[in-house]
Protein backbone atom coordinates (compact mmCIF):
# COMPACT_ATOMS: atom_id res chain seq x y z
CA MET A 1 0.01 -0.02 0.08
CA VAL A 2 1.13 3.50 -0.77
CA VAL A 3 0.98 6.07 2.04
CA ILE A 4 1.46 9.91 2.31
CA ARG A 5 3.32 10.60 5.47
CA LEU A 6 5.98 12.86 7.09
CA ALA A 7 9.75 11.86 6.98
CA ARG A 8 11.74 13.58 9.55
CA GLY A 9 14.84 15.53 8.87
CA GLY A 10 16.67 18.53 10.46
CA ALA A 11 18.93 18.61 13.38
CA LYS A 12 18.47 17.62 17.03
CA LYS A 13 15.84 19.71 18.67
CA ARG A 14 15.21 21.45 15.25
CA PRO A 15 12.73 19.16 13.49
CA PHE A 16 11.88 19.46 9.77
CA TYR A 17 9.50 17.19 7.96
CA ASN A 18 9.19 16.30 4.30
CA MET A 19 5.78 15.21 3.20
CA VAL A 20 6.51 12.15 1.07
CA VAL A 21 4.67 9.42 -0.85
CA ALA A 22 6.12 6.07 0.19
CA ASP A 23 5.50 2.38 0.42
CA SER A 24 3.95 1.60 3.78
CA ARG A 25 6.61 -1.08 4.44
CA ALA A 26 9.47 1.53 4.16
CA ARG A 27 11.02 3.02 7.20
CA ARG A 28 9.76 6.43 8.43
CA SER A 29 12.66 8.45 7.01
CA GLY A 30 13.80 5.77 4.47
CA ARG A 31 12.96 5.20 0.80
CA PHE A 32 10.15 7.23 -0.74
CA VAL A 33 8.64 7.62 -4.20
CA GLU A 34 8.12 11.35 -4.33
CA ARG A 35 8.39 14.42 -2.06
CA ILE A 36 5.24 16.54 -2.25
CA GLY A 37 5.77 19.22 0.40
CA PHE A 38 7.25 20.05 3.74
CA TYR A 39 6.33 21.06 7.25
CA ASN A 40 8.48 23.18 9.53
CA PRO A 41 7.05 23.21 13.05
CA VAL A 42 9.59 25.72 14.35
CA ALA A 43 9.25 28.19 11.54
CA ALA A 44 9.37 31.91 12.43
CA GLU A 45 6.48 34.22 11.69
CA HIS A 46 8.01 35.47 8.38
CA GLU A 47 9.03 31.94 7.21
CA GLU A 48 6.81 29.46 5.35
CA GLY A 49 5.95 26.62 7.65
CA LEU A 50 3.92 24.41 5.47
CA ARG A 51 3.80 23.73 1.73
CA VAL A 52 1.94 21.05 -0.10
CA ALA A 53 1.75 20.45 -3.86
CA MET A 54 -1.97 19.82 -4.04
CA ASP A 55 -1.91 18.71 -7.69
CA ARG A 56 0.44 15.81 -6.73
CA LEU A 57 -1.49 15.10 -3.53
CA THR A 58 -4.78 14.58 -5.50
CA TYR A 59 -2.92 12.53 -8.06
CA TRP A 60 -1.56 10.06 -5.53
CA GLN A 61 -4.88 9.91 -3.69
CA GLN A 62 -6.61 9.07 -7.04
CA HIS A 63 -4.16 6.29 -7.45
CA GLY A 64 -4.91 4.76 -4.02
CA ALA A 65 -2.58 6.45 -1.66
CA GLN A 66 -3.73 6.85 1.93
CA LEU A 67 -2.94 9.84 4.17
CA SER A 68 -1.43 9.24 7.59
CA PRO A 69 -3.43 10.88 10.38
CA THR A 70 -0.78 13.70 10.85
CA ALA A 71 -0.50 14.27 7.16
CA ALA A 72 -4.34 14.50 6.85
CA ARG A 73 -4.36 17.05 9.65
CA LEU A 74 -1.75 19.18 7.93
CA VAL A 75 -3.45 19.02 4.56
CA LYS A 76 -6.73 20.06 6.17
CA GLN A 77 -4.80 22.97 7.86
CA PHE A 78 -3.10 23.94 4.53
CA THR A 79 -6.47 23.96 2.55
CA ALA A 80 -8.10 26.12 5.26
CA LYS A 81 -5.24 28.51 5.02
CA GLN A 82 -5.48 28.67 1.26
CA ALA A 83 -9.24 29.29 1.43
CA ALA A 84 -8.79 32.27 3.75
């Protein structure tokens, strides 16, 4: 099964997450198929904290990819921010 989830990067105490499309059997920060966005939880006010390529997200969802709970929450937050 293909899943859309977060892959952790960044330094110690400075997390940075890539939103990736990966096989569900792959490790959290291991092999992935495509990077479709990022999430920076410690971004400053003037920095971009979340970006998602919505066209690629819908493409993968149409092809059967499932969102992880955290990725689903972030996508919902991103679409609400775009609508406002």
